[in-house]
Amino acid sequence: GSVPAAATHAAGPAGHGAVDLEVILIDLEGAEREVYKAVHDDLSKGSGSVQIDNALLKDFILTNTALSAEDYDTELLKMVSSSETFSLDLDGFVQMVTENGIAENDALQQFISLSADGTEITAEDCRSGLLNLLQQRLNTNWPTATTEHVFDVVMSDAALSISMEQWTGYCKRLGRIARLARYQKL
């Protein structure tokens, strides 16, 4: 038999909704919406919402976010609780994917290990910490020039010292970029 179109989405796109890394870096939110809308359309079969017991939805979320199987149901219920149909619309789907690009606990542990005083780190330590997170937690190994370019964009507002709040923001943005790029097979 043939493989249903949605089944190909756990691993990556077949063409529509594809964006390249530069587009992701310039307009992350727009790129996410375009790519994840195509996934949502497939999962919902064009109905506009995905039922919460959809196995392909669960597979996609667990493959393309930092959510664990244990946390999946809780997060999904949070997203659909305000829905009249108790299903996941496009906005909820995009939010669920983008808010779980990296486990916040991983980011905080990395910050604490890098920080001498627990309140800030140097921009240099931030870059090495992001590299560690990229390789260890996001299983992403880009060429050095690509990695440096992505970090320059992610840290575009950075000063010489980085607060824990800034660090967490950078980690989340990097997680979103890396996961979208990997889904796109970039």
N, C-alpha and C. Protein backbone atom coordinates (compact mmCIF):
# COMPACT_ATOMS: atom_id res chain seq x y z
N GLY A 1 0.82 -1.20 0.00
CA GLY A 1 0.00 0.00 0.00
C GLY A 1 0.85 1.24 0.00
N SER A 2 0.22 2.37 -0.24
CA SER A 2 0.96 3.62 -0.26
C SER A 2 0.99 4.23 1.14
N VAL A 3 1.99 5.06 1.39
CA VAL A 3 2.15 5.71 2.69
C VAL A 3 1.31 6.98 2.68
N PRO A 4 0.48 7.21 3.70
CA PRO A 4 -0.30 8.45 3.72
C PRO A 4 0.63 9.66 3.79
N ALA A 5 0.22 10.77 3.18
CA ALA A 5 1.05 11.97 3.11
C ALA A 5 1.51 12.43 4.48
N ALA A 6 0.65 12.40 5.47
CA ALA A 6 0.99 12.89 6.81
C ALA A 6 2.12 12.06 7.43
N ALA A 7 2.23 10.81 7.05
CA ALA A 7 3.26 9.95 7.64
C ALA A 7 4.67 10.45 7.31
N THR A 8 4.82 11.10 6.17
CA THR A 8 6.14 11.60 5.78
C THR A 8 6.53 12.81 6.61
N HIS A 9 5.58 13.43 7.31
CA HIS A 9 5.88 14.65 8.04
C HIS A 9 6.64 14.46 9.34
N ALA A 10 6.67 13.28 9.89
CA ALA A 10 7.45 13.09 11.12
C ALA A 10 8.92 13.31 10.83
N ALA A 11 9.36 12.91 9.66
CA ALA A 11 10.77 13.01 9.31
C ALA A 11 11.11 14.25 8.50
N GLY A 12 10.18 14.78 7.72
CA GLY A 12 10.50 15.97 6.94
C GLY A 12 9.54 16.16 5.79
N PRO A 13 9.60 17.34 5.19
CA PRO A 13 8.63 17.71 4.16
C PRO A 13 8.92 17.07 2.81
N ALA A 14 7.89 17.00 2.02
CA ALA A 14 8.03 16.45 0.67
C ALA A 14 8.19 17.57 -0.34
N GLY A 15 8.14 18.82 0.08
CA GLY A 15 8.34 19.91 -0.86
C GLY A 15 7.53 21.15 -0.53
N HIS A 16 6.21 21.05 -0.41
CA HIS A 16 5.45 22.26 -0.15
C HIS A 16 5.73 22.76 1.26
N GLY A 17 5.73 24.10 1.39
CA GLY A 17 6.02 24.68 2.69
C GLY A 17 7.49 24.66 3.04
N ALA A 18 8.37 24.43 2.06
CA ALA A 18 9.81 24.36 2.33
C ALA A 18 10.43 25.76 2.34
N VAL A 19 11.32 26.01 3.30
CA VAL A 19 12.05 27.28 3.38
C VAL A 19 13.52 26.96 3.65
N ASP A 20 14.42 27.88 3.26
CA ASP A 20 15.83 27.62 3.51
C ASP A 20 16.30 28.31 4.80
N LEU A 21 17.53 28.03 5.20
CA LEU A 21 18.04 28.51 6.49
C LEU A 21 18.06 30.04 6.56
N GLU A 22 18.41 30.70 5.46
CA GLU A 22 18.46 32.17 5.47
C GLU A 22 17.06 32.75 5.73
N VAL A 23 16.04 32.16 5.13
CA VAL A 23 14.67 32.60 5.36
C VAL A 23 14.31 32.38 6.83
N ILE A 24 14.70 31.25 7.38
CA ILE A 24 14.45 30.95 8.80
C ILE A 24 15.10 32.02 9.68
N LEU A 25 16.32 32.40 9.36
CA LEU A 25 17.04 33.38 10.18
C LEU A 25 16.45 34.78 10.05
N ILE A 26 15.97 35.12 8.87
CA ILE A 26 15.40 36.45 8.64
C ILE A 26 14.00 36.57 9.26
N ASP A 27 13.19 35.53 9.11
CA ASP A 27 11.80 35.58 9.58
C ASP A 27 11.42 34.23 10.18
N LEU A 28 11.91 33.98 11.39
CA LEU A 28 11.68 32.69 12.04
C LEU A 28 10.19 32.41 12.19
N GLU A 29 9.44 33.38 12.72
CA GLU A 29 8.01 33.17 12.96
C GLU A 29 7.27 32.87 11.65
N GLY A 30 7.57 33.62 10.60
CA GLY A 30 6.93 33.40 9.31
C GLY A 30 7.27 32.05 8.72
N ALA A 31 8.55 31.67 8.83
CA ALA A 31 9.00 30.37 8.30
C ALA A 31 8.33 29.23 9.07
N GLU A 32 8.28 29.37 10.40
CA GLU A 32 7.63 28.34 11.22
C GLU A 32 6.16 28.20 10.82
N ARG A 33 5.49 29.32 10.68
CA ARG A 33 4.06 29.28 10.36
C ARG A 33 3.84 28.61 9.01
N GLU A 34 4.67 28.95 8.02
CA GLU A 34 4.52 28.37 6.68
C GLU A 34 4.75 26.86 6.69
N VAL A 35 5.82 26.44 7.30
CA VAL A 35 6.18 25.01 7.32
C VAL A 35 5.19 24.22 8.18
N TYR A 36 4.93 24.71 9.39
CA TYR A 36 4.07 23.96 10.30
C TYR A 36 2.60 24.01 9.87
N LYS A 37 2.21 25.03 9.09
CA LYS A 37 0.85 25.05 8.54
C LYS A 37 0.68 23.88 7.56
N ALA A 38 1.70 23.64 6.74
CA ALA A 38 1.63 22.53 5.79
C ALA A 38 1.49 21.20 6.54
N VAL A 39 2.23 21.06 7.64
CA VAL A 39 2.13 19.84 8.46
C VAL A 39 0.72 19.73 9.06
N HIS A 40 0.26 20.84 9.65
CA HIS A 40 -1.07 20.84 10.28
C HIS A 40 -2.16 20.53 9.25
N ASP A 41 -2.04 21.09 8.05
CA ASP A 41 -3.02 20.82 6.99
C ASP A 41 -3.08 19.33 6.68
N ASP A 42 -1.90 18.69 6.62
CA ASP A 42 -1.86 17.25 6.36
C ASP A 42 -2.47 16.46 7.52
N LEU A 43 -2.08 16.83 8.73
CA LEU A 43 -2.57 16.10 9.90
C LEU A 43 -4.08 16.25 10.08
N SER A 44 -4.59 17.45 9.76
CA SER A 44 -6.03 17.71 9.94
C SER A 44 -6.83 17.33 8.70
N LYS A 45 -6.11 16.87 7.66
CA LYS A 45 -6.75 16.53 6.38
C LYS A 45 -7.59 17.71 5.87
N GLY A 46 -7.08 18.92 6.12
CA GLY A 46 -7.74 20.12 5.63
C GLY A 46 -8.91 20.60 6.46
N SER A 47 -9.22 19.93 7.57
CA SER A 47 -10.39 20.30 8.37
C SER A 47 -10.14 21.51 9.28
N GLY A 48 -8.88 21.89 9.45
CA GLY A 48 -8.56 23.04 10.30
C GLY A 48 -8.21 22.69 11.73
N SER A 49 -8.49 21.45 12.15
CA SER A 49 -8.10 21.06 13.50
C SER A 49 -7.78 19.56 13.55
N VAL A 50 -6.87 19.23 14.45
CA VAL A 50 -6.41 17.85 14.59
C VAL A 50 -6.97 17.28 15.88
N GLN A 51 -7.54 16.10 15.81
CA GLN A 51 -8.07 15.43 17.01
C GLN A 51 -6.90 15.05 17.91
N ILE A 52 -7.12 15.10 19.23
CA ILE A 52 -6.02 14.89 20.17
C ILE A 52 -5.52 13.45 20.22
N ASP A 53 -6.30 12.51 19.70
CA ASP A 53 -5.84 11.11 19.71
C ASP A 53 -5.12 10.73 18.42
N ASN A 54 -4.79 11.72 17.59
CA ASN A 54 -4.12 11.48 16.31
C ASN A 54 -2.67 11.03 16.58
N ALA A 55 -2.36 9.79 16.20
CA ALA A 55 -1.03 9.22 16.45
C ALA A 55 0.06 9.95 15.67
N LEU A 56 -0.26 10.43 14.47
CA LEU A 56 0.72 11.16 13.67
C LEU A 56 1.05 12.51 14.30
N LEU A 57 0.05 13.13 14.94
CA LEU A 57 0.29 14.38 15.68
C LEU A 57 1.30 14.12 16.80
N LYS A 58 1.04 13.09 17.58
CA LYS A 58 1.93 12.76 18.70
C LYS A 58 3.33 12.46 18.19
N ASP A 59 3.43 11.69 17.12
CA ASP A 59 4.72 11.35 16.53
C ASP A 59 5.46 12.61 16.09
N PHE A 60 4.75 13.51 15.41
CA PHE A 60 5.38 14.75 14.95
C PHE A 60 5.89 15.57 16.12
N ILE A 61 5.05 15.78 17.13
CA ILE A 61 5.43 16.62 18.28
C ILE A 61 6.62 16.00 19.03
N LEU A 62 6.58 14.70 19.27
CA LEU A 62 7.68 14.07 20.01
C LEU A 62 8.98 14.05 19.21
N THR A 63 8.87 14.00 17.88
CA THR A 63 10.06 14.00 17.02
C THR A 63 10.65 15.39 16.86
N ASN A 64 9.79 16.41 16.85
CA ASN A 64 10.23 17.76 16.45
C ASN A 64 10.19 18.80 17.56
N THR A 65 10.06 18.35 18.81
CA THR A 65 10.13 19.26 19.95
C THR A 65 10.95 18.59 21.06
N ALA A 66 11.14 19.33 22.14
CA ALA A 66 11.86 18.79 23.30
C ALA A 66 10.90 18.11 24.27
N LEU A 67 9.62 18.06 23.93
CA LEU A 67 8.65 17.45 24.85
C LEU A 67 8.92 15.95 25.00
N SER A 68 8.81 15.49 26.24
CA SER A 68 8.92 14.05 26.50
C SER A 68 7.54 13.43 26.34
N ALA A 69 7.52 12.13 26.19
CA ALA A 69 6.24 11.41 26.10
C ALA A 69 5.41 11.66 27.36
N GLU A 70 6.09 11.80 28.51
CA GLU A 70 5.39 12.03 29.78
C GLU A 70 4.69 13.39 29.79
N ASP A 71 5.33 14.41 29.20
CA ASP A 71 4.77 15.77 29.23
C ASP A 71 3.83 16.05 28.06
N TYR A 72 3.82 15.19 27.07
CA TYR A 72 3.04 15.42 25.86
C TYR A 72 1.55 15.63 26.16
N ASP A 73 0.95 14.71 26.88
CA ASP A 73 -0.50 14.79 27.14
C ASP A 73 -0.86 16.07 27.89
N THR A 74 -0.07 16.43 28.89
CA THR A 74 -0.33 17.63 29.68
C THR A 74 -0.29 18.87 28.79
N GLU A 75 0.76 18.98 27.97
CA GLU A 75 0.89 20.14 27.08
C GLU A 75 -0.24 20.18 26.05
N LEU A 76 -0.58 19.02 25.51
CA LEU A 76 -1.64 18.95 24.52
C LEU A 76 -2.97 19.39 25.14
N LEU A 77 -3.25 18.92 26.35
CA LEU A 77 -4.49 19.30 27.02
C LEU A 77 -4.54 20.80 27.30
N LYS A 78 -3.39 21.40 27.65
CA LYS A 78 -3.34 22.85 27.85
C LYS A 78 -3.73 23.58 26.56
N MET A 79 -3.24 23.07 25.43
CA MET A 79 -3.49 23.71 24.14
C MET A 79 -4.95 23.58 23.69
N VAL A 80 -5.59 22.47 23.98
CA VAL A 80 -6.95 22.24 23.47
C VAL A 80 -8.04 22.58 24.48
N SER A 81 -7.68 22.88 25.72
CA SER A 81 -8.68 23.09 26.77
C SER A 81 -9.65 24.23 26.45
N SER A 82 -9.19 25.25 25.73
CA SER A 82 -10.09 26.37 25.40
C SER A 82 -10.82 26.16 24.08
N SER A 83 -10.53 25.07 23.40
CA SER A 83 -11.17 24.78 22.11
C SER A 83 -12.55 24.16 22.32
N GLU A 84 -13.52 24.66 21.58
CA GLU A 84 -14.88 24.11 21.68
C GLU A 84 -14.93 22.66 21.20
N THR A 85 -14.09 22.35 20.23
CA THR A 85 -14.10 20.99 19.66
C THR A 85 -13.09 20.07 20.33
N PHE A 86 -12.35 20.60 21.34
CA PHE A 86 -11.33 19.83 22.05
C PHE A 86 -10.33 19.22 21.07
N SER A 87 -9.94 20.03 20.07
CA SER A 87 -8.96 19.60 19.07
C SER A 87 -7.94 20.72 18.88
N LEU A 88 -6.87 20.42 18.18
CA LEU A 88 -5.74 21.35 18.05
C LEU A 88 -5.84 22.12 16.74
N ASP A 89 -6.09 23.44 16.85
CA ASP A 89 -6.14 24.27 15.64
C ASP A 89 -4.71 24.67 15.25
N LEU A 90 -4.59 25.39 14.15
CA LEU A 90 -3.27 25.76 13.64
C LEU A 90 -2.47 26.58 14.66
N ASP A 91 -3.10 27.59 15.27
CA ASP A 91 -2.38 28.43 16.23
C ASP A 91 -1.85 27.60 17.40
N GLY A 92 -2.68 26.71 17.92
CA GLY A 92 -2.27 25.86 19.03
C GLY A 92 -1.14 24.92 18.63
N PHE A 93 -1.22 24.40 17.41
CA PHE A 93 -0.19 23.50 16.90
C PHE A 93 1.15 24.23 16.78
N VAL A 94 1.13 25.40 16.15
CA VAL A 94 2.37 26.18 15.99
C VAL A 94 2.93 26.55 17.36
N GLN A 95 2.06 26.96 18.27
CA GLN A 95 2.50 27.33 19.62
C GLN A 95 3.13 26.13 20.33
N MET A 96 2.51 24.98 20.21
CA MET A 96 3.02 23.78 20.89
C MET A 96 4.41 23.40 20.36
N VAL A 97 4.60 23.53 19.05
CA VAL A 97 5.90 23.20 18.46
C VAL A 97 6.94 24.24 18.84
N THR A 98 6.61 25.53 18.69
CA THR A 98 7.60 26.58 18.89
C THR A 98 7.96 26.83 20.35
N GLU A 99 7.03 26.57 21.27
CA GLU A 99 7.33 26.80 22.68
C GLU A 99 8.12 25.66 23.31
N ASN A 100 8.31 24.59 22.58
CA ASN A 100 9.01 23.43 23.13
C ASN A 100 10.24 23.04 22.32
N GLY A 101 10.93 24.05 21.78
CA GLY A 101 12.13 23.80 20.99
C GLY A 101 13.29 23.28 21.81
N ILE A 102 13.31 23.67 23.08
CA ILE A 102 14.38 23.22 23.98
C ILE A 102 13.78 23.05 25.37
N ALA A 103 14.27 22.09 26.11
CA ALA A 103 13.81 21.92 27.49
C ALA A 103 14.43 23.03 28.33
N GLU A 104 13.59 23.82 28.98
CA GLU A 104 14.09 24.95 29.77
C GLU A 104 15.08 24.50 30.84
N ASN A 105 14.86 23.33 31.40
CA ASN A 105 15.77 22.79 32.40
C ASN A 105 17.18 22.60 31.84
N ASP A 106 17.28 22.12 30.59
CA ASP A 106 18.59 21.97 29.95
C ASP A 106 19.29 23.32 29.82
N ALA A 107 18.53 24.33 29.42
CA ALA A 107 19.09 25.67 29.25
C ALA A 107 19.58 26.22 30.59
N LEU A 108 18.78 26.05 31.64
CA LEU A 108 19.16 26.57 32.95
C LEU A 108 20.39 25.85 33.52
N GLN A 109 20.43 24.53 33.36
CA GLN A 109 21.60 23.78 33.84
C GLN A 109 22.87 24.24 33.12
N GLN A 110 22.77 24.45 31.81
CA GLN A 110 23.91 24.91 31.03
C GLN A 110 24.37 26.29 31.51
N PHE A 111 23.43 27.19 31.77
CA PHE A 111 23.76 28.53 32.24
C PHE A 111 24.51 28.47 33.58
N ILE A 112 23.97 27.68 34.51
CA ILE A 112 24.58 27.56 35.83
C ILE A 112 26.00 27.01 35.72
N SER A 113 26.20 26.05 34.82
CA SER A 113 27.55 25.49 34.66
C SER A 113 28.52 26.50 34.02
N LEU A 114 28.01 27.47 33.28
CA LEU A 114 28.86 28.47 32.62
C LEU A 114 29.11 29.70 33.48
N SER A 115 28.20 29.97 34.41
CA SER A 115 28.23 31.23 35.16
C SER A 115 29.04 31.12 36.44
N ALA A 116 29.91 32.11 36.66
CA ALA A 116 30.70 32.15 37.89
C ALA A 116 29.85 32.63 39.07
N ASP A 117 28.91 33.54 38.79
CA ASP A 117 28.12 34.14 39.87
C ASP A 117 26.63 33.76 39.84
N GLY A 118 26.22 32.99 38.84
CA GLY A 118 24.83 32.57 38.76
C GLY A 118 23.88 33.62 38.19
N THR A 119 24.42 34.80 37.83
CA THR A 119 23.55 35.85 37.29
C THR A 119 23.86 36.22 35.85
N GLU A 120 25.13 36.05 35.44
CA GLU A 120 25.47 36.37 34.06
C GLU A 120 26.66 35.55 33.56
N ILE A 121 26.81 35.54 32.23
CA ILE A 121 27.94 34.88 31.58
C ILE A 121 28.50 35.83 30.52
N THR A 122 29.72 35.57 30.09
CA THR A 122 30.30 36.39 29.03
C THR A 122 29.69 35.98 27.68
N ALA A 123 29.76 36.88 26.72
CA ALA A 123 29.24 36.57 25.38
C ALA A 123 30.00 35.38 24.79
N GLU A 124 31.29 35.29 25.09
CA GLU A 124 32.11 34.17 24.60
C GLU A 124 31.62 32.85 25.19
N ASP A 125 31.37 32.84 26.51
CA ASP A 125 30.84 31.64 27.16
C ASP A 125 29.44 31.31 26.63
N CYS A 126 28.68 32.34 26.31
CA CYS A 126 27.35 32.14 25.76
C CYS A 126 27.43 31.37 24.45
N ARG A 127 28.36 31.78 23.59
CA ARG A 127 28.53 31.11 22.30
C ARG A 127 28.95 29.65 22.49
N SER A 128 29.90 29.41 23.40
CA SER A 128 30.34 28.03 23.61
C SER A 128 29.21 27.20 24.25
N GLY A 129 28.42 27.82 25.11
CA GLY A 129 27.28 27.13 25.70
C GLY A 129 26.22 26.81 24.67
N LEU A 130 25.97 27.76 23.76
CA LEU A 130 25.00 27.50 22.69
C LEU A 130 25.49 26.37 21.78
N LEU A 131 26.79 26.34 21.52
CA LEU A 131 27.35 25.27 20.68
C LEU A 131 27.14 23.91 21.36
N ASN A 132 27.40 23.86 22.67
CA ASN A 132 27.20 22.62 23.42
C ASN A 132 25.73 22.19 23.33
N LEU A 133 24.83 23.13 23.54
CA LEU A 133 23.40 22.84 23.48
C LEU A 133 23.00 22.35 22.09
N LEU A 134 23.52 23.03 21.07
CA LEU A 134 23.21 22.69 19.68
C LEU A 134 23.63 21.25 19.37
N GLN A 135 24.84 20.90 19.79
CA GLN A 135 25.37 19.58 19.47
C GLN A 135 24.83 18.49 20.39
N GLN A 136 24.75 18.76 21.70
CA GLN A 136 24.38 17.73 22.67
C GLN A 136 22.87 17.53 22.81
N ARG A 137 22.11 18.63 22.86
CA ARG A 137 20.67 18.54 23.11
C ARG A 137 19.85 18.56 21.82
N LEU A 138 20.36 19.26 20.82
CA LEU A 138 19.60 19.39 19.57
C LEU A 138 20.17 18.50 18.47
N ASN A 139 21.24 17.77 18.80
CA ASN A 139 21.87 16.83 17.85
C ASN A 139 22.09 17.45 16.47
N THR A 140 22.61 18.68 16.48
CA THR A 140 22.83 19.41 15.23
C THR A 140 24.30 19.75 15.10
N ASN A 141 24.88 19.38 13.98
CA ASN A 141 26.27 19.71 13.69
C ASN A 141 26.37 20.39 12.33
N TRP A 142 26.24 21.71 12.34
CA TRP A 142 26.38 22.49 11.11
C TRP A 142 27.85 22.78 10.86
N PRO A 143 28.21 23.13 9.63
CA PRO A 143 29.57 23.62 9.39
C PRO A 143 29.84 24.85 10.27
N THR A 144 31.10 25.07 10.64
CA THR A 144 31.45 26.16 11.55
C THR A 144 30.90 27.51 11.09
N ALA A 145 31.05 27.83 9.82
CA ALA A 145 30.58 29.13 9.31
C ALA A 145 29.07 29.28 9.48
N THR A 146 28.33 28.21 9.25
CA THR A 146 26.88 28.24 9.43
C THR A 146 26.53 28.46 10.89
N THR A 147 27.19 27.70 11.76
CA THR A 147 26.94 27.82 13.20
C THR A 147 27.22 29.25 13.67
N GLU A 148 28.36 29.81 13.26
CA GLU A 148 28.72 31.18 13.66
C GLU A 148 27.67 32.17 13.17
N HIS A 149 27.21 32.00 11.93
CA HIS A 149 26.20 32.90 11.36
C HIS A 149 24.90 32.80 12.15
N VAL A 150 24.47 31.59 12.47
CA VAL A 150 23.24 31.40 13.25
C VAL A 150 23.40 32.06 14.63
N PHE A 151 24.53 31.87 15.29
CA PHE A 151 24.75 32.48 16.60
C PHE A 151 24.74 34.01 16.51
N ASP A 152 25.35 34.56 15.43
CA ASP A 152 25.35 36.02 15.24
C ASP A 152 23.92 36.54 15.18
N VAL A 153 23.05 35.81 14.48
CA VAL A 153 21.65 36.24 14.36
C VAL A 153 20.93 36.07 15.69
N VAL A 154 21.10 34.91 16.32
CA VAL A 154 20.42 34.63 17.59
C VAL A 154 20.84 35.64 18.66
N MET A 155 22.13 36.00 18.67
CA MET A 155 22.68 36.90 19.69
C MET A 155 22.83 38.33 19.19
N SER A 156 22.04 38.73 18.23
CA SER A 156 22.21 40.04 17.60
C SER A 156 22.13 41.22 18.58
N ASP A 157 21.43 41.04 19.69
CA ASP A 157 21.30 42.12 20.68
C ASP A 157 22.24 41.96 21.87
N ALA A 158 23.18 41.03 21.79
CA ALA A 158 24.03 40.71 22.93
C ALA A 158 25.07 41.79 23.22
N ALA A 159 25.31 42.00 24.51
CA ALA A 159 26.41 42.86 24.96
C ALA A 159 27.54 41.93 25.41
N LEU A 160 28.51 42.45 26.16
CA LEU A 160 29.63 41.62 26.61
C LEU A 160 29.21 40.61 27.66
N SER A 161 28.18 40.95 28.45
CA SER A 161 27.69 39.98 29.43
C SER A 161 26.22 39.67 29.15
N ILE A 162 25.87 38.42 29.42
CA ILE A 162 24.55 37.89 29.09
C ILE A 162 23.85 37.47 30.37
N SER A 163 22.62 37.97 30.58
CA SER A 163 21.84 37.59 31.76
C SER A 163 21.22 36.21 31.54
N MET A 164 20.73 35.61 32.63
CA MET A 164 20.07 34.30 32.51
C MET A 164 18.83 34.42 31.62
N GLU A 165 18.12 35.53 31.72
CA GLU A 165 16.92 35.74 30.90
C GLU A 165 17.28 35.81 29.41
N GLN A 166 18.35 36.57 29.10
CA GLN A 166 18.81 36.64 27.70
C GLN A 166 19.23 35.25 27.22
N TRP A 167 20.01 34.56 28.03
CA TRP A 167 20.50 33.23 27.69
C TRP A 167 19.34 32.29 27.35
N THR A 168 18.31 32.30 28.21
CA THR A 168 17.16 31.43 27.99
C THR A 168 16.47 31.77 26.67
N GLY A 169 16.35 33.06 26.39
CA GLY A 169 15.77 33.50 25.12
C GLY A 169 16.58 33.02 23.93
N TYR A 170 17.91 33.13 24.04
CA TYR A 170 18.78 32.67 22.95
C TYR A 170 18.63 31.16 22.74
N CYS A 171 18.60 30.42 23.85
CA CYS A 171 18.46 28.96 23.77
C CYS A 171 17.16 28.57 23.08
N LYS A 172 16.07 29.23 23.48
CA LYS A 172 14.77 28.91 22.89
C LYS A 172 14.77 29.22 21.39
N ARG A 173 15.32 30.37 21.02
CA ARG A 173 15.37 30.75 19.60
C ARG A 173 16.23 29.76 18.81
N LEU A 174 17.39 29.40 19.37
CA LEU A 174 18.27 28.44 18.72
C LEU A 174 17.57 27.09 18.56
N GLY A 175 16.85 26.67 19.59
CA GLY A 175 16.11 25.41 19.52
C GLY A 175 15.09 25.43 18.40
N ARG A 176 14.37 26.53 18.27
CA ARG A 176 13.37 26.66 17.21
C ARG A 176 14.02 26.62 15.83
N ILE A 177 15.13 27.35 15.68
CA ILE A 177 15.84 27.39 14.39
C ILE A 177 16.37 26.00 14.04
N ALA A 178 17.05 25.37 14.99
CA ALA A 178 17.67 24.07 14.73
C ALA A 178 16.63 23.01 14.40
N ARG A 179 15.53 23.00 15.12
CA ARG A 179 14.50 21.99 14.88
C ARG A 179 13.79 22.22 13.54
N LEU A 180 13.52 23.48 13.20
CA LEU A 180 12.90 23.76 11.91
C LEU A 180 13.86 23.41 10.77
N ALA A 181 15.14 23.75 10.95
CA ALA A 181 16.13 23.42 9.92
C ALA A 181 16.27 21.92 9.75
N ARG A 182 16.28 21.18 10.86
CA ARG A 182 16.41 19.72 10.77
C ARG A 182 15.17 19.13 10.11
N TYR A 183 14.00 19.61 10.48
CA TYR A 183 12.76 19.12 9.85
C TYR A 183 12.80 19.36 8.34
N GLN A 184 13.37 20.51 7.96
CA GLN A 184 13.48 20.87 6.54
C GLN A 184 14.67 20.14 5.87
N LYS A 185 15.41 19.37 6.66
CA LYS A 185 16.61 18.67 6.18
C LYS A 185 17.67 19.64 5.65
N LEU A 186 17.87 20.75 6.39
CA LEU A 186 18.87 21.74 5.98
C LEU A 186 20.18 21.47 6.70
